[in-house]
């Protein structure tokens, strides 16, 4: 480009000389009568690429040339002499500037890449569009304004446990590590979780989150024992269901007033009843509906719902029907069993009958063995008298029998009723 400009400049000079010579000849032809032969004007000897200016009586460089060191040189040469080989003259600003890709540094035009590398390291380059230095691909400016690799950049921020993620274009911690709470380093993931949520916390690499260890749940920003947490809320019969991820009551218990409770019978009265009489059961947590989860039993016989006149959370009232027999009162359902007192049920028609077990046995023997005296059967033909005499002759034994029956939980009246029923059956047999 410079050679081309110099050729143009030389052509302009030649053309100027031709024009000057023609003008001089014309002037001489028109004014030769006024010239004095032998006269030579006093004018300086102008260097190449310049002309004499009679007004200023000095030499003037041609357009595109600049006076330098007693000669006229091109503007580009003048800029190169001043700022280096990669400088050129800008006619618009009428000043020197560096060619594209070069930067003025220390009064010299040097390569933009050289300038950037001198400033920011070997992995810096010059961007002519933005007229600024940038780091090469895969490199970033660190805190010291040097272009370092992305991994080195991340290590400088978060320690040697950090690396660069090109997909997300950001720094991340290596596997098993997470950024600390103060965002200054990568620390062990489990340690981070334990510092934040307690000793029973761990780091889950799949979800990239802290989780409580098995058997623990997060409560008040701490991992606590799940069963203890539930028991503190709902009582000692509550535990944590890891599948449902919630507190549940143990088998046989249900939620009531934010507690895990089970039905309990505290009182049953009266304890001795006849058919069609009412029985009252008192206690807690029976529920509010007889058609709910619980069923009422006497012994192993279920009380019909129609025979239950009242079923409340603390009281049940039912009528004794003839399908029931003596037994313990219980509430059962859904692994729940609440036991009450033993209920003695007797038929009012049979309650007045008495029975002597010795008489019934002897009567059977007389029918089978003809050797027994007839008067013996006659003497024992009155069951009521024999039974009363038997009980009178051994009153001390009767008291101890009653005590044993009470210890076993079986009332003596139940045995008496059984004897009465057997007596009636045998009497009908021998009529």
Protein backbone atom coordinates (compact mmCIF):
# COMPACT_ATOMS: atom_id res chain seq x y z
CA UNK A 1 0.00 0.00 0.00
CA UNK A 2 2.83 2.35 0.87
CA UNK A 3 4.61 1.60 -2.43
CA UNK A 4 1.39 2.36 -4.26
CA UNK A 5 1.04 5.72 -2.48
CA UNK A 6 4.62 6.55 -3.26
CA UNK A 7 4.10 5.87 -6.96
CA UNK A 8 1.06 8.14 -6.96
CA UNK A 9 3.08 10.82 -5.21
CA UNK A 10 5.86 10.52 -7.82
CA UNK A 11 3.34 10.80 -10.63
CA UNK A 12 1.88 13.92 -9.05
CA UNK A 13 5.35 15.44 -8.79
CA UNK A 14 6.12 14.76 -12.46
CA UNK A 15 2.78 16.20 -13.51
CA UNK A 16 3.39 19.28 -11.39
CA UNK A 17 6.79 19.83 -13.01
CA UNK A 18 5.27 19.55 -16.45
CA UNK A 19 2.56 22.04 -15.56
CA UNK A 20 5.12 24.36 -14.01
CA UNK A 21 7.30 24.20 -17.08
CA UNK A 22 4.36 24.91 -19.37
CA UNK A 23 3.24 27.83 -17.21
CA UNK A 24 6.76 29.28 -17.24
CA UNK A 25 6.97 28.97 -20.98
CA UNK A 26 3.64 30.69 -21.45
CA UNK A 27 4.61 33.43 -19.09
CA UNK A 28 7.80 33.86 -20.87
CA UNK A 29 6.05 34.07 -24.25
CA UNK A 30 3.62 36.70 -23.06
CA UNK A 31 6.01 38.81 -21.05
CA UNK A 32 9.31 38.29 -22.71
CA UNK A 33 9.49 42.00 -23.53
CA UNK A 34 9.54 42.76 -19.80
CA UNK A 35 12.30 40.29 -18.85
CA UNK A 36 15.78 41.54 -18.55
CA UNK A 37 18.32 39.23 -19.87
CA UNK A 38 21.00 38.22 -17.33
CA UNK A 39 18.64 38.61 -14.20
CA UNK A 40 18.35 35.60 -11.81
CA UNK A 41 15.83 35.89 -8.93
CA UNK A 42 17.10 35.19 -5.34
CA UNK A 43 15.24 31.96 -4.29
CA UNK A 44 16.15 28.98 -2.12
CA UNK A 45 16.99 25.59 -3.52
CA UNK A 46 13.90 23.49 -2.56
CA UNK A 47 14.28 19.77 -1.90
CA UNK A 48 12.47 17.08 -3.80
CA UNK A 49 8.73 16.81 -3.28
CA UNK A 50 8.54 20.55 -2.55
CA UNK A 51 8.08 23.87 -4.37
CA UNK A 52 9.05 27.46 -3.87
CA UNK A 53 6.43 29.77 -2.41
CA UNK A 54 7.21 33.29 -3.51
CA UNK A 55 4.77 34.79 -1.03
CA UNK A 56 6.52 33.31 1.95
CA UNK A 57 9.81 33.14 0.07
CA UNK A 58 10.21 29.58 1.29
CA UNK A 59 9.86 26.02 0.13
CA UNK A 60 6.54 24.26 0.62
CA UNK A 61 6.13 20.48 0.57
CA UNK A 62 3.59 19.12 -1.80
CA UNK A 63 0.27 17.87 -0.52
CA UNK A 64 0.71 14.47 1.15
CA UNK A 65 4.25 15.33 2.27
CA UNK A 66 5.62 16.68 5.48
CA UNK A 67 8.87 18.56 6.10
CA UNK A 68 11.24 16.47 8.19
CA UNK A 69 14.99 16.92 8.58
CA UNK A 70 15.38 19.38 5.70
CA UNK A 71 13.41 17.26 3.23
CA UNK A 72 9.84 16.50 2.30
CA UNK A 73 8.75 12.97 3.12
CA UNK A 74 5.36 11.38 2.83
CA UNK A 75 2.97 11.68 5.74
CA UNK A 76 3.02 7.90 6.24
CA UNK A 77 6.83 7.94 6.39
CA UNK A 78 6.67 10.74 8.89
CA UNK A 79 4.22 8.70 11.10
CA UNK A 80 6.37 5.59 10.73
CA UNK A 81 9.45 7.52 11.79
CA UNK A 82 7.58 8.78 14.81
CA UNK A 83 5.50 5.72 15.95
CA UNK A 84 6.96 2.76 14.17
CA UNK A 85 6.47 0.77 11.01
CA UNK A 86 2.78 0.07 11.74
CA UNK A 87 1.76 3.73 11.96
CA UNK A 88 -0.04 5.65 9.20
CA UNK A 89 -1.34 9.14 8.57
CA UNK A 90 -5.08 9.83 8.88
CA UNK A 91 -6.06 12.67 6.56
CA UNK A 92 -9.45 13.07 8.26
CA UNK A 93 -8.02 13.72 11.70
CA UNK A 94 -4.81 15.12 10.23
CA UNK A 95 -2.81 12.99 12.66
CA UNK A 96 -0.96 9.71 12.94
CA UNK A 97 -2.67 6.50 14.05
CA UNK A 98 -1.83 2.83 14.24
CA UNK A 99 -2.94 0.49 11.52
CA UNK A 100 -5.74 -2.01 12.15
CA UNK A 101 -4.81 -4.65 14.72
CA UNK A 102 -2.15 -2.41 16.28
CA UNK A 103 -2.19 -0.25 19.39
CA UNK A 104 -0.16 2.76 20.41
CA UNK A 105 1.90 1.82 23.41
CA UNK A 106 4.94 3.70 24.63
CA UNK A 107 4.92 5.96 21.51
CA UNK A 108 5.13 2.88 19.32
CA UNK A 109 2.48 1.03 17.33
CA UNK A 110 2.64 -2.60 18.37
CA UNK A 111 0.44 -5.60 17.67
CA UNK A 112 -2.80 -5.59 19.65
CA UNK A 113 -2.20 -9.22 20.67
CA UNK A 114 1.30 -8.33 21.85
CA UNK A 115 -0.08 -5.43 23.84
CA UNK A 116 -2.80 -7.60 25.47
CA UNK A 117 -0.41 -10.42 26.28
CA UNK A 118 2.01 -7.97 27.86
CA UNK A 119 -0.85 -6.73 30.03
CA UNK A 120 -2.92 -9.87 30.77
CA UNK A 121 -0.80 -12.90 30.06
CA UNK A 122 -0.11 -15.27 27.18
CA UNK A 123 -3.77 -16.27 26.80
CA UNK A 124 -5.04 -12.75 26.07
CA UNK A 125 -5.94 -11.42 22.61
CA UNK A 126 -6.94 -8.12 21.06
CA UNK A 127 -10.50 -7.64 19.79
CA UNK A 128 -10.46 -4.95 17.10
CA UNK A 129 -14.27 -4.67 17.10
CA UNK A 130 -14.49 -3.74 20.74
CA UNK A 131 -10.97 -2.24 20.70
CA UNK A 132 -10.17 -4.07 23.91
CA UNK A 133 -8.29 -7.04 25.30
CA UNK A 134 -10.08 -10.32 25.93
CA UNK A 135 -9.11 -13.70 27.27
CA UNK A 136 -8.89 -16.57 24.78
CA UNK A 137 -11.61 -19.25 24.74
CA UNK A 138 -11.40 -21.38 27.88
CA UNK A 139 -9.75 -18.61 29.90
CA UNK A 140 -11.00 -15.92 32.26
CA UNK A 141 -9.65 -12.83 34.02
CA UNK A 142 -8.73 -13.72 37.59
CA UNK A 143 -8.53 -11.38 40.56
CA UNK A 144 -5.06 -10.28 39.41
CA UNK A 145 -6.28 -9.29 35.94
CA UNK A 146 -4.52 -12.21 34.31
CA UNK A 147 -6.02 -14.63 31.81
CA UNK A 148 -6.01 -18.09 33.42
CA UNK A 149 -7.81 -21.32 32.51
CA UNK A 150 -11.41 -21.69 33.63
CA UNK A 151 -10.45 -24.41 36.11
CA UNK A 152 -7.70 -22.22 37.56
CA UNK A 153 -10.16 -19.35 37.75
CA UNK A 154 -12.64 -21.51 39.72
CA UNK A 155 -9.92 -22.84 42.00
CA UNK A 156 -8.94 -19.27 42.74
CA UNK A 157 -12.50 -18.58 43.87
CA UNK A 158 -13.42 -21.79 45.72
CA UNK A 159 -10.15 -23.69 46.37
CA UNK A 160 -8.66 -26.70 44.59
CA UNK A 161 -11.89 -28.69 45.08
CA UNK A 162 -13.63 -26.54 42.43
CA UNK A 163 -13.81 -26.97 38.66
CA UNK A 164 -15.40 -25.27 35.66
CA UNK A 165 -18.63 -26.61 34.15
CA UNK A 166 -18.61 -25.68 30.46
CA UNK A 167 -22.25 -26.75 29.96
CA UNK A 168 -23.56 -24.39 32.61
CA UNK A 169 -20.71 -21.91 32.10
CA UNK A 170 -20.05 -21.58 35.80
CA UNK A 171 -17.84 -22.84 38.59
CA UNK A 172 -18.98 -25.92 40.48
CA UNK A 173 -17.52 -28.04 43.26
CA UNK A 174 -16.14 -31.47 42.50
CA UNK A 175 -18.22 -34.51 43.36
CA UNK A 176 -18.71 -34.88 47.10
CA UNK A 177 -18.18 -31.18 47.77
CA UNK A 178 -20.45 -28.14 47.93
CA UNK A 179 -19.95 -24.39 48.16
CA UNK A 180 -19.68 -23.23 51.75
CA UNK A 181 -22.30 -20.95 53.30
CA UNK A 182 -20.02 -17.93 52.97
CA UNK A 183 -19.43 -18.72 49.25
CA UNK A 184 -15.65 -18.75 49.64
CA UNK A 185 -14.67 -22.41 49.30
CA UNK A 186 -15.79 -25.94 48.42
CA UNK A 187 -16.15 -28.11 51.52
CA UNK A 188 -17.11 -31.73 52.16
CA UNK A 189 -20.82 -32.13 51.34
CA UNK A 190 -21.71 -34.22 54.40
CA UNK A 191 -19.87 -31.76 56.64
CA UNK A 192 -21.81 -28.91 55.08
CA UNK A 193 -25.14 -30.66 55.71
CA UNK A 194 -24.21 -31.58 59.28
CA UNK A 195 -23.17 -28.01 60.02
CA UNK A 196 -26.51 -26.78 58.71
CA UNK A 197 -29.00 -29.46 59.81
CA UNK A 198 -27.26 -31.44 62.54
CA UNK A 199 -25.21 -34.61 62.86
CA UNK A 200 -27.94 -36.86 61.41
CA UNK A 201 -27.93 -35.08 58.06
CA UNK A 202 -26.19 -36.24 54.88
CA UNK A 203 -25.73 -35.05 51.31
CA UNK A 204 -27.70 -36.68 48.48
CA UNK A 205 -25.67 -36.40 45.27
CA UNK A 206 -28.66 -37.35 43.07
CA UNK A 207 -30.87 -34.49 44.20
CA UNK A 208 -27.87 -32.33 45.13
CA UNK A 209 -29.57 -31.50 48.42
CA UNK A 210 -29.11 -32.21 52.11
CA UNK A 211 -31.33 -34.97 53.50
CA UNK A 212 -31.90 -36.40 56.94
CA UNK A 213 -30.53 -39.88 57.62
CA UNK A 214 -32.95 -42.83 57.69
CA UNK A 215 -35.21 -42.63 60.72
CA UNK A 216 -34.83 -38.86 61.02
CA UNK A 217 -36.94 -35.98 59.75
CA UNK A 218 -36.38 -32.26 59.36
CA UNK A 219 -38.03 -30.22 62.11
CA UNK A 220 -37.15 -26.65 63.05
CA UNK A 221 -34.19 -26.76 60.62
CA UNK A 222 -32.67 -29.79 62.36
CA UNK A 223 -32.73 -33.52 61.65
CA UNK A 224 -34.38 -35.16 64.66
CA UNK A 225 -35.42 -38.73 65.50
CA UNK A 226 -38.71 -39.27 63.64
CA UNK A 227 -40.39 -41.44 66.29
CA UNK A 228 -39.42 -39.07 69.09
CA UNK A 229 -40.75 -36.18 67.08
CA UNK A 230 -44.12 -37.90 66.60
CA UNK A 231 -44.33 -39.01 70.23
CA UNK A 232 -43.65 -35.47 71.41
CA UNK A 233 -46.57 -34.31 69.29
CA UNK A 234 -49.12 -37.13 69.63
CA UNK A 235 -48.09 -39.17 72.66
CA UNK A 236 -46.09 -42.30 73.34
CA UNK A 237 -48.25 -44.48 71.07
CA UNK A 238 -47.33 -42.56 67.93
CA UNK A 239 -44.54 -43.32 65.45
CA UNK A 240 -43.31 -42.16 62.07
CA UNK A 241 -44.39 -43.88 58.84
CA UNK A 242 -41.52 -43.49 56.38
CA UNK A 243 -43.69 -44.53 53.41
CA UNK A 244 -46.47 -42.05 54.09
CA UNK A 245 -43.92 -39.60 55.51
CA UNK A 246 -46.19 -38.68 58.39
CA UNK A 247 -46.88 -39.47 62.02
CA UNK A 248 -49.34 -42.32 62.63
CA UNK A 249 -50.79 -44.02 65.68
CA UNK A 250 -49.76 -47.51 66.70
CA UNK A 251 -52.05 -50.43 65.94
CA UNK A 252 -55.09 -50.23 68.20
CA UNK A 253 -54.84 -46.44 68.61
CA UNK A 254 -56.35 -43.53 66.74
CA UNK A 255 -55.99 -39.75 66.66
CA UNK A 256 -58.21 -37.92 69.09
CA UNK A 257 -57.62 -34.35 70.22
CA UNK A 258 -54.06 -34.45 68.81
CA UNK A 259 -53.23 -37.57 70.78
CA UNK A 260 -53.02 -41.27 69.94
CA UNK A 261 -55.62 -42.87 72.18
CA UNK A 262 -57.31 -46.27 72.58
CA UNK A 263 -60.72 -47.06 74.12
CA UNK A 264 -60.73 -47.93 77.81
CA UNK A 265 -63.56 -49.17 80.03
CA UNK A 266 -63.45 -47.76 83.54
CA UNK A 267 -66.75 -49.02 84.96
CA UNK A 268 -69.65 -51.38 84.17
CA UNK A 269 -72.86 -51.43 86.21
CA UNK A 270 -74.84 -53.29 87.31
CA UNK A 271 -72.70 -56.42 87.19
CA UNK A 272 -75.62 -58.82 87.80
CA UNK A 273 -78.59 -58.41 85.48
CA UNK A 274 -81.55 -60.28 84.05
CA UNK A 275 -82.76 -60.26 80.48
CA UNK A 276 -84.32 -56.99 79.26
CA UNK A 277 -82.39 -54.97 81.86
CA UNK A 278 -80.04 -52.15 80.89
CA UNK A 279 -76.28 -52.08 81.44
CA UNK A 280 -74.20 -48.88 81.52
CA UNK A 281 -70.54 -48.92 80.41
CA UNK A 282 -68.36 -45.92 81.25
CA UNK A 283 -64.90 -45.02 80.01
CA UNK A 284 -63.06 -43.00 77.36
CA UNK A 285 -62.63 -42.82 73.58
CA UNK A 286 -65.52 -45.08 72.61
CA UNK A 287 -66.27 -42.92 69.60
CA UNK A 288 -69.51 -41.13 68.85
CA UNK A 289 -71.32 -43.73 66.77
CA UNK A 290 -72.26 -47.34 67.44
CA UNK A 291 -71.84 -48.02 63.73
CA UNK A 292 -68.24 -46.78 63.80
CA UNK A 293 -65.13 -48.96 64.14
CA UNK A 294 -65.87 -50.68 67.47
CA UNK A 295 -68.22 -53.55 68.34
CA UNK A 296 -69.55 -54.39 71.81
CA UNK A 297 -69.29 -57.97 73.11
CA UNK A 298 -70.41 -59.85 76.22
CA UNK A 299 -68.24 -62.93 76.37
CA UNK A 300 -67.87 -63.95 72.74
CA UNK A 301 -71.35 -62.82 71.73
CA UNK A 302 -71.80 -59.54 69.94
CA UNK A 303 -74.39 -57.09 71.21
CA UNK A 304 -76.76 -56.14 68.41
CA UNK A 305 -76.61 -52.48 67.42
CA UNK A 306 -80.40 -52.23 67.75
CA UNK A 307 -80.08 -53.18 71.42
CA UNK A 308 -77.70 -50.25 72.07
CA UNK A 309 -79.74 -47.22 73.07
CA UNK A 310 -76.83 -44.84 73.60
CA UNK A 311 -73.26 -44.74 72.31
CA UNK A 312 -71.17 -41.74 73.25
CA UNK A 313 -67.45 -41.17 73.57
CA UNK A 314 -67.58 -41.76 77.33
CA UNK A 315 -70.74 -43.86 77.85
CA UNK A 316 -72.56 -46.82 76.29
CA UNK A 317 -76.02 -48.10 77.35
CA UNK A 318 -77.46 -51.37 76.05
CA UNK A 319 -80.28 -53.79 76.88
CA UNK A 320 -79.52 -57.42 77.72
CA UNK A 321 -81.27 -59.76 75.28
CA UNK A 322 -81.81 -63.51 75.56
CA UNK A 323 -79.10 -64.36 73.01
CA UNK A 324 -76.48 -63.12 75.47
CA UNK A 325 -74.91 -65.13 78.25
CA UNK A 326 -72.63 -64.23 81.12
CA UNK A 327 -69.15 -63.08 80.18
CA UNK A 328 -66.65 -60.25 80.19
CA UNK A 329 -67.67 -56.95 78.53
CA UNK A 330 -65.26 -55.97 75.74
CA UNK A 331 -64.94 -53.46 72.90
CA UNK A 332 -63.21 -54.81 69.79
CA UNK A 333 -62.31 -53.59 66.31
CA UNK A 334 -59.28 -52.72 64.14
CA UNK A 335 -56.76 -54.38 66.45
CA UNK A 336 -58.40 -52.68 69.43
CA UNK A 337 -59.62 -54.55 72.48
CA UNK A 338 -60.78 -52.84 75.66
CA UNK A 339 -61.79 -55.15 78.51
CA UNK A 340 -64.34 -54.35 81.18
CA UNK A 341 -65.83 -56.24 84.12
CA UNK A 342 -67.50 -59.66 84.11
CA UNK A 343 -71.25 -59.35 83.52
CA UNK A 344 -73.44 -61.97 85.25
CA UNK A 345 -76.64 -62.56 83.24
CA UNK A 346 -79.45 -64.75 84.64
CA UNK A 347 -82.97 -65.67 83.45
CA UNK A 348 -85.53 -64.31 85.95
CA UNK A 349 -87.67 -67.47 85.60
CA UNK A 350 -84.77 -69.67 86.63
CA UNK A 351 -83.23 -67.50 89.30
CA UNK A 352 -85.46 -68.93 92.06
CA UNK A 353 -84.65 -72.57 91.33
CA UNK A 354 -82.04 -74.41 93.39
CA UNK A 355 -80.02 -77.41 92.46
CA UNK A 356 -78.15 -80.05 94.48
CA UNK A 357 -75.49 -81.70 92.39
CA UNK A 358 -75.40 -84.73 94.75
CA UNK A 359 -79.11 -85.45 94.17
CA UNK A 360 -78.82 -85.37 90.40
CA UNK A 361 -75.95 -87.86 90.50
CA UNK A 362 -77.72 -90.15 92.86
CA UNK A 363 -80.89 -90.11 90.86
CA UNK A 364 -78.94 -91.27 87.84
CA UNK A 365 -77.39 -94.06 89.86
CA UNK A 366 -80.76 -95.33 91.17
CA UNK A 367 -82.08 -95.67 87.70
CA UNK A 368 -79.12 -97.76 86.65
CA UNK A 369 -78.46 -99.89 89.82
CA UNK A 370 -81.48 -101.76 91.37
CA UNK A 371 -79.43 -102.80 94.42
CA UNK A 372 -79.75 -99.30 95.93
CA UNK A 373 -82.47 -99.08 98.66
CA UNK A 374 -85.74 -97.42 97.68
CA UNK A 375 -85.90 -95.40 100.88
CA UNK A 376 -82.55 -93.76 100.00
CA UNK A 377 -84.09 -92.38 96.85
CA UNK A 378 -87.08 -91.17 98.83
CA UNK A 379 -84.91 -89.48 101.41
CA UNK A 380 -83.13 -87.57 98.69
CA UNK A 381 -86.17 -86.93 96.54
CA UNK A 382 -86.37 -83.29 97.63
CA UNK A 383 -83.56 -81.41 95.80
CA UNK A 384 -84.18 -78.17 97.63
CA UNK A 385 -83.89 -79.76 101.06
CA UNK A 386 -80.79 -81.79 100.18
CA UNK A 387 -79.07 -78.76 98.69
CA UNK A 388 -79.82 -76.59 101.72
CA UNK A 389 -78.57 -79.31 104.09
CA UNK A 390 -75.44 -79.78 102.03
CA UNK A 391 -74.67 -76.09 102.14
CA UNK A 392 -75.49 -75.89 105.88
CA UNK A 393 -73.33 -78.87 106.85
CA UNK A 394 -70.26 -77.41 105.10
CA UNK A 395 -70.57 -73.67 105.49
CA UNK A 396 -66.81 -73.19 105.93
CA UNK A 397 -66.08 -74.97 102.66
CA UNK A 398 -68.71 -72.84 100.91
CA UNK A 399 -66.93 -69.68 101.90
CA UNK A 400 -63.61 -70.89 100.53
CA UNK A 401 -65.30 -72.02 97.29
CA UNK A 402 -66.76 -68.60 96.88
CA UNK A 403 -63.35 -67.07 97.39
CA UNK A 404 -61.79 -69.33 94.76
CA UNK A 405 -64.56 -68.55 92.31
CA UNK A 406 -64.10 -64.84 92.86
CA UNK A 407 -60.33 -65.15 92.30
CA UNK A 408 -61.00 -66.92 89.01
CA UNK A 409 -63.33 -64.11 87.97
CA UNK A 410 -66.42 -66.49 87.80
CA UNK A 411 -69.26 -65.47 90.21
CA UNK A 412 -70.83 -68.17 92.33
CA UNK A 413 -74.30 -67.16 91.14
CA UNK A 414 -73.36 -68.28 87.62
CA UNK A 415 -72.66 -71.81 88.98
CA UNK A 416 -75.92 -71.80 90.91
CA UNK A 417 -77.84 -70.84 87.79
CA UNK A 418 -76.16 -73.69 85.91
CA UNK A 419 -77.14 -76.15 88.64
CA UNK A 420 -80.69 -74.86 88.55
CA UNK A 421 -80.92 -75.37 84.81
CA UNK A 422 -79.58 -78.91 85.08
CA UNK A 423 -82.03 -79.71 87.91
CA UNK A 424 -84.96 -78.56 85.88
CA UNK A 425 -83.85 -80.63 82.89
CA UNK A 426 -83.47 -83.81 85.03
CA UNK A 427 -86.81 -83.27 86.70
CA UNK A 428 -88.52 -83.14 83.33
CA UNK A 429 -86.61 -86.27 82.31
CA UNK A 430 -87.94 -88.44 85.18
CA UNK A 431 -91.54 -87.26 85.15
